[in-house]
Amino acid sequence: MNPSDTTDPASELRRQIDALGDWFHNIDIDGVPTAPNHFLGDYPRVKWRSFANAIPDDLSGRTVLDVGCNGGFYAIEMKRRGAARVLAVDTDERYLMQARFAAGRCGQEIEFRQLSVYDVGALAERFDVVLFMGVLYHLRHPLLALDLIREHVADDLFVFQSMQRGSEAVAPVAQDYDFWDMDHFDAPGYPKLHFVENAYSGDHTNWWVPNRACTEAMLRASGFRIESHPEAEVYVCRRAPQPEGAGAIHPARPLTP
């Protein structure tokens, strides 16, 4: 170090982190947090601690796709568990810049690519583990996104997280209802996807917020079997057969007279 250079390494790191803009992922980089004043606290680490045990500790030899990677927290954690390859995608180049910086400083070799969830088919490969954390409520077409993930990239394990609002109840749902039977729509435990026309929490990209019953129904409808629900918003799933007539990317069921 140049004796005339009195720059504190931590202060220089803080400057580099801040130069990348506001961070949504609080990541500890050499003792310097990227988002020390996050309104959710030490996020997403505080959430990660509550479901980390639901994901294999050893991912050696496995491939991971992180869809909507944001600042890279989960991609880094997957690589720390020994994943052979981690590909992290996001549509926001600023988040990708943050994620590349964080991964580099944490010594984790991760591939980053600017890509929308609607374009995952362009990857032309499947992954052993697919992460979809905090993305669904930012999408105008959420069920299509789940269909595309199952159809094109999910090979086995699917880890899903979404903000949820409304009742935590999950009511039994019949296979079919008569046209004049409407009472179930008002039941607290019936699947509901709340539409945000303007903004929610100051964010104009918040479009749809499910209740718990809706989250679980959408996962099943897209062809994912829920294995565990380790945290209020987190579901660990496996790829499963898709229900009859499911998905905009599949032929519609024939109309019956």
Protein backbone atom coordinates (compact mmCIF):
# COMPACT_ATOMS: atom_id res chain seq x y z
CA MET A 1 0.00 0.00 0.00
CA ASN A 2 1.29 3.46 -0.86
CA PRO A 3 2.19 5.25 2.42
CA SER A 4 0.64 8.43 1.04
CA ASP A 5 -2.67 6.62 0.37
CA THR A 6 -4.74 7.01 3.53
CA THR A 7 -7.93 5.61 2.02
CA ASP A 8 -9.52 3.11 4.39
CA PRO A 9 -10.25 -0.16 2.48
CA ALA A 10 -13.72 -0.41 4.04
CA SER A 11 -14.51 3.17 3.04
CA GLU A 12 -13.38 2.49 -0.53
CA LEU A 13 -15.53 -0.64 -0.64
CA ARG A 14 -18.46 1.36 0.70
CA ARG A 15 -17.92 3.87 -2.10
CA GLN A 16 -17.88 1.13 -4.75
CA ILE A 17 -21.06 -0.45 -3.36
CA ASP A 18 -22.89 2.89 -3.23
CA ALA A 19 -21.80 3.72 -6.77
CA LEU A 20 -23.85 0.75 -7.98
CA GLY A 21 -27.06 2.37 -6.76
CA ASP A 22 -29.67 1.33 -4.22
CA TRP A 23 -29.44 -2.36 -3.31
CA PHE A 24 -32.46 -4.53 -2.47
CA HIS A 25 -30.29 -7.47 -1.40
CA ASN A 26 -28.25 -6.86 1.72
CA ILE A 27 -25.07 -8.84 1.16
CA ASP A 28 -22.08 -8.83 3.49
CA ILE A 29 -18.99 -8.11 1.41
CA ASP A 30 -15.81 -8.25 3.48
CA GLY A 31 -17.73 -6.96 6.48
CA VAL A 32 -19.46 -4.15 4.57
CA PRO A 33 -23.25 -4.55 4.06
CA THR A 34 -24.68 -3.53 0.71
CA ALA A 35 -28.05 -2.40 2.13
CA PRO A 36 -27.50 -1.64 5.82
CA ASN A 37 -30.71 0.40 6.11
CA HIS A 38 -33.05 -2.06 4.39
CA PHE A 39 -36.65 -1.56 5.57
CA LEU A 40 -36.97 -5.35 6.04
CA GLY A 41 -33.80 -5.58 8.10
CA ASP A 42 -31.05 -7.99 7.06
CA TYR A 43 -32.92 -9.01 3.92
CA PRO A 44 -32.91 -11.54 2.34
CA ARG A 45 -30.63 -13.29 4.83
CA VAL A 46 -33.30 -13.09 7.54
CA LYS A 47 -35.66 -15.00 5.22
CA TRP A 48 -32.95 -17.38 3.99
CA ARG A 49 -32.26 -18.55 7.55
CA SER A 50 -35.85 -19.73 7.89
CA PHE A 51 -35.78 -22.09 4.89
CA ALA A 52 -32.10 -22.81 4.18
CA ASN A 53 -32.43 -26.29 5.70
CA ALA A 54 -35.11 -27.19 3.13
CA ILE A 55 -32.53 -27.06 0.31
CA PRO A 56 -29.75 -29.68 0.09
CA ASP A 57 -26.59 -28.58 1.88
CA ASP A 58 -24.48 -30.22 -0.81
CA LEU A 59 -25.28 -29.21 -4.39
CA SER A 60 -22.13 -30.75 -5.84
CA GLY A 61 -22.56 -31.65 -9.50
CA ARG A 62 -25.91 -29.86 -9.77
CA THR A 63 -26.89 -26.94 -11.97
CA VAL A 64 -28.88 -23.98 -10.66
CA LEU A 65 -30.89 -21.29 -12.42
CA ASP A 66 -31.78 -18.18 -10.42
CA VAL A 67 -34.63 -16.36 -12.22
CA GLY A 68 -34.84 -12.72 -11.17
CA CYS A 69 -31.55 -12.82 -9.28
CA ASN A 70 -31.60 -9.17 -8.17
CA GLY A 71 -28.35 -8.44 -6.28
CA GLY A 72 -27.24 -12.07 -6.35
CA PHE A 73 -27.74 -13.18 -2.75
CA TYR A 74 -29.36 -16.54 -3.52
CA ALA A 75 -27.09 -17.29 -6.47
CA ILE A 76 -24.07 -16.78 -4.22
CA GLU A 77 -25.55 -19.06 -1.54
CA MET A 78 -26.15 -21.79 -4.12
CA LYS A 79 -22.55 -21.58 -5.29
CA ARG A 80 -21.36 -21.71 -1.67
CA ARG A 81 -23.19 -25.04 -1.40
CA GLY A 82 -21.02 -26.41 -4.16
CA ALA A 83 -23.26 -26.15 -7.21
CA ALA A 84 -21.31 -27.07 -10.33
CA ARG A 85 -22.88 -24.23 -12.30
CA VAL A 86 -25.07 -21.29 -11.34
CA LEU A 87 -26.72 -19.15 -13.99
CA ALA A 88 -28.46 -16.04 -12.68
CA VAL A 89 -30.75 -13.95 -14.87
CA ASP A 90 -32.57 -10.66 -14.46
CA THR A 91 -34.07 -8.03 -16.73
CA ASP A 92 -32.53 -5.11 -14.80
CA GLU A 93 -28.94 -4.42 -15.82
CA ARG A 94 -28.35 -2.43 -12.62
CA TYR A 95 -29.16 -5.47 -10.50
CA LEU A 96 -26.91 -7.60 -12.71
CA MET A 97 -24.06 -5.15 -12.18
CA GLN A 98 -24.59 -5.39 -8.44
CA ALA A 99 -24.74 -9.18 -8.57
CA ARG A 100 -21.57 -9.46 -10.66
CA PHE A 101 -19.76 -7.20 -8.21
CA ALA A 102 -20.99 -9.11 -5.15
CA ALA A 103 -20.17 -12.52 -6.62
CA GLY A 104 -16.72 -11.37 -7.64
CA ARG A 105 -15.92 -9.92 -4.24
CA CYS A 106 -17.28 -13.07 -2.54
CA GLY A 107 -15.08 -15.25 -4.75
CA GLN A 108 -17.95 -17.13 -6.39
CA GLU A 109 -17.91 -17.97 -10.10
CA ILE A 110 -21.44 -17.32 -11.36
CA GLU A 111 -22.71 -16.70 -14.87
CA PHE A 112 -25.03 -13.71 -15.26
CA ARG A 113 -27.29 -12.94 -18.17
CA GLN A 114 -29.90 -10.26 -18.94
CA LEU A 115 -33.03 -12.27 -19.63
CA SER A 116 -36.76 -12.15 -18.92
CA VAL A 117 -38.59 -15.06 -17.35
CA TYR A 118 -40.76 -15.07 -20.47
CA ASP A 119 -37.66 -15.89 -22.53
CA VAL A 120 -36.27 -18.79 -20.47
CA GLY A 121 -36.96 -21.13 -23.37
CA ALA A 122 -34.08 -19.45 -25.20
CA LEU A 123 -31.69 -21.05 -22.71
CA ALA A 124 -32.45 -24.43 -24.30
CA GLU A 125 -31.42 -26.38 -21.20
CA ARG A 126 -32.85 -27.68 -17.95
CA PHE A 127 -31.51 -27.14 -14.45
CA ASP A 128 -31.52 -29.37 -11.37
CA VAL A 129 -32.59 -26.45 -9.18
CA VAL A 130 -34.58 -23.38 -10.24
CA LEU A 131 -35.01 -20.43 -7.88
CA PHE A 132 -37.90 -18.00 -8.38
CA MET A 133 -37.66 -15.68 -5.42
CA GLY A 134 -39.72 -12.50 -5.13
CA VAL A 135 -40.56 -12.26 -8.82
CA LEU A 136 -44.16 -13.37 -9.32
CA TYR A 137 -45.82 -10.21 -7.97
CA HIS A 138 -43.77 -8.06 -10.36
CA LEU A 139 -45.16 -9.84 -13.42
CA ARG A 140 -48.13 -8.89 -15.59
CA HIS A 141 -48.50 -12.54 -16.63
CA PRO A 142 -47.59 -14.61 -13.57
CA LEU A 143 -49.18 -17.95 -14.48
CA LEU A 144 -47.56 -17.86 -17.91
CA ALA A 145 -44.19 -17.39 -16.20
CA LEU A 146 -44.73 -20.49 -14.05
CA ASP A 147 -45.82 -22.48 -17.10
CA LEU A 148 -42.71 -21.45 -19.02
CA ILE A 149 -40.38 -22.33 -16.14
CA ARG A 150 -41.87 -25.81 -15.84
CA GLU A 151 -42.00 -26.32 -19.60
CA HIS A 152 -38.47 -25.21 -20.43
CA VAL A 153 -36.01 -25.05 -17.53
CA ALA A 154 -37.16 -26.84 -14.35
CA ASP A 155 -35.88 -30.41 -14.24
CA ASP A 156 -36.49 -31.26 -10.59
CA LEU A 157 -36.35 -28.86 -7.63
CA PHE A 158 -38.24 -25.56 -7.82
CA VAL A 159 -37.88 -23.04 -4.97
CA PHE A 160 -40.56 -20.36 -5.02
CA GLN A 161 -41.19 -17.24 -2.94
CA SER A 162 -43.77 -14.51 -3.33
CA MET A 163 -45.16 -11.69 -1.24
CA GLN A 164 -48.62 -12.75 -0.05
CA ARG A 165 -51.55 -10.76 1.27
CA GLY A 166 -55.01 -11.68 2.47
CA SER A 167 -56.09 -14.74 4.41
CA GLU A 168 -53.66 -17.50 5.34
CA ALA A 169 -56.54 -19.98 5.22
CA VAL A 170 -56.61 -22.67 2.54
CA ALA A 171 -60.10 -24.01 1.88
CA PRO A 172 -60.89 -27.23 -0.01
CA VAL A 173 -61.78 -26.44 -3.61
CA ALA A 174 -64.21 -28.58 -5.62
CA GLN A 175 -63.29 -29.99 -9.01
CA ASP A 176 -66.12 -27.97 -10.53
CA TYR A 177 -68.89 -25.55 -9.55
CA ASP A 178 -72.29 -24.83 -10.99
CA PHE A 179 -72.53 -21.53 -12.86
CA TRP A 180 -74.95 -20.16 -10.24
CA ASP A 181 -72.85 -21.29 -7.27
CA MET A 182 -70.95 -18.17 -6.19
CA ASP A 183 -70.56 -18.28 -2.42
CA HIS A 184 -67.13 -19.94 -2.56
CA PHE A 185 -65.64 -16.83 -4.20
CA ASP A 186 -66.17 -14.92 -0.94
CA ALA A 187 -64.64 -17.58 1.29
CA PRO A 188 -61.37 -16.40 2.96
CA GLY A 189 -59.59 -19.61 1.95
CA TYR A 190 -60.55 -19.51 -1.73
CA PRO A 191 -57.61 -18.74 -4.09
CA LYS A 192 -57.42 -15.01 -4.80
CA LEU A 193 -54.92 -13.03 -6.86
CA HIS A 194 -55.15 -9.36 -5.90
CA PHE A 195 -54.55 -6.93 -8.75
CA VAL A 196 -52.57 -3.73 -8.13
CA GLU A 197 -53.68 -1.16 -10.68
CA ASN A 198 -51.36 1.66 -9.65
CA ALA A 199 -48.60 1.07 -7.10
CA TYR A 200 -48.06 -0.87 -3.90
CA SER A 201 -45.41 0.17 -1.39
CA GLY A 202 -44.36 2.89 -3.82
CA ASP A 203 -43.54 0.34 -6.52
CA HIS A 204 -45.35 0.51 -9.87
CA THR A 205 -43.99 -2.92 -10.82
CA ASN A 206 -46.11 -4.66 -8.18
CA TRP A 207 -48.98 -6.10 -10.26
CA TRP A 208 -50.42 -9.21 -8.62
CA VAL A 209 -50.35 -10.30 -4.97
CA PRO A 210 -51.74 -13.77 -4.15
CA ASN A 211 -53.15 -15.07 -0.93
CA ARG A 212 -51.73 -18.34 0.36
CA ALA A 213 -54.44 -20.47 -1.24
CA CYS A 214 -53.78 -18.83 -4.60
CA THR A 215 -50.02 -19.37 -4.40
CA GLU A 216 -50.51 -23.07 -3.75
CA ALA A 217 -53.19 -23.42 -6.43
CA MET A 218 -51.06 -21.66 -9.05
CA LEU A 219 -48.08 -23.90 -8.30
CA ARG A 220 -50.21 -27.03 -8.67
CA ALA A 221 -51.92 -25.70 -11.81
CA SER A 222 -48.52 -25.11 -13.43
CA GLY A 223 -47.34 -28.63 -12.73
CA PHE A 224 -45.37 -28.32 -9.49
CA ARG A 225 -45.85 -30.63 -6.52
CA ILE A 226 -45.36 -28.83 -3.20
CA GLU A 227 -42.87 -30.79 -1.10
CA SER A 228 -42.58 -28.40 1.84
CA HIS A 229 -43.63 -24.97 3.03
CA PRO A 230 -40.74 -24.04 5.33
CA GLU A 231 -41.50 -20.32 5.52
CA ALA A 232 -44.72 -18.33 5.17
CA GLU A 233 -43.89 -17.20 1.62
CA VAL A 234 -41.56 -20.00 0.52
CA TYR A 235 -42.44 -23.28 -1.20
CA VAL A 236 -40.03 -26.06 -2.13
CA CYS A 237 -41.53 -27.99 -5.04
CA ARG A 238 -40.79 -30.75 -7.53
CA ARG A 239 -41.64 -30.76 -11.20
CA ALA A 240 -44.74 -32.89 -11.71
CA PRO A 241 -47.23 -33.73 -14.48
CA GLN A 242 -49.21 -30.72 -15.57
CA PRO A 243 -52.99 -30.82 -15.05
CA GLU A 244 -55.25 -31.30 -18.03
CA GLY A 245 -55.76 -28.13 -20.03
CA ALA A 246 -53.18 -26.16 -18.04
CA GLY A 247 -51.23 -23.26 -19.38
CA ALA A 248 -51.40 -20.80 -22.24
CA ILE A 249 -48.52 -22.66 -23.90
CA HIS A 250 -50.58 -25.85 -24.13
CA PRO A 251 -53.56 -26.70 -26.34
CA ALA A 252 -56.86 -25.68 -24.79
CA ARG A 253 -59.26 -28.36 -23.68
CA PRO A 254 -61.90 -29.10 -26.31
CA LEU A 255 -65.19 -27.37 -25.69
CA THR A 256 -68.03 -29.65 -24.66
CA PRO A 257 -71.55 -29.04 -25.94
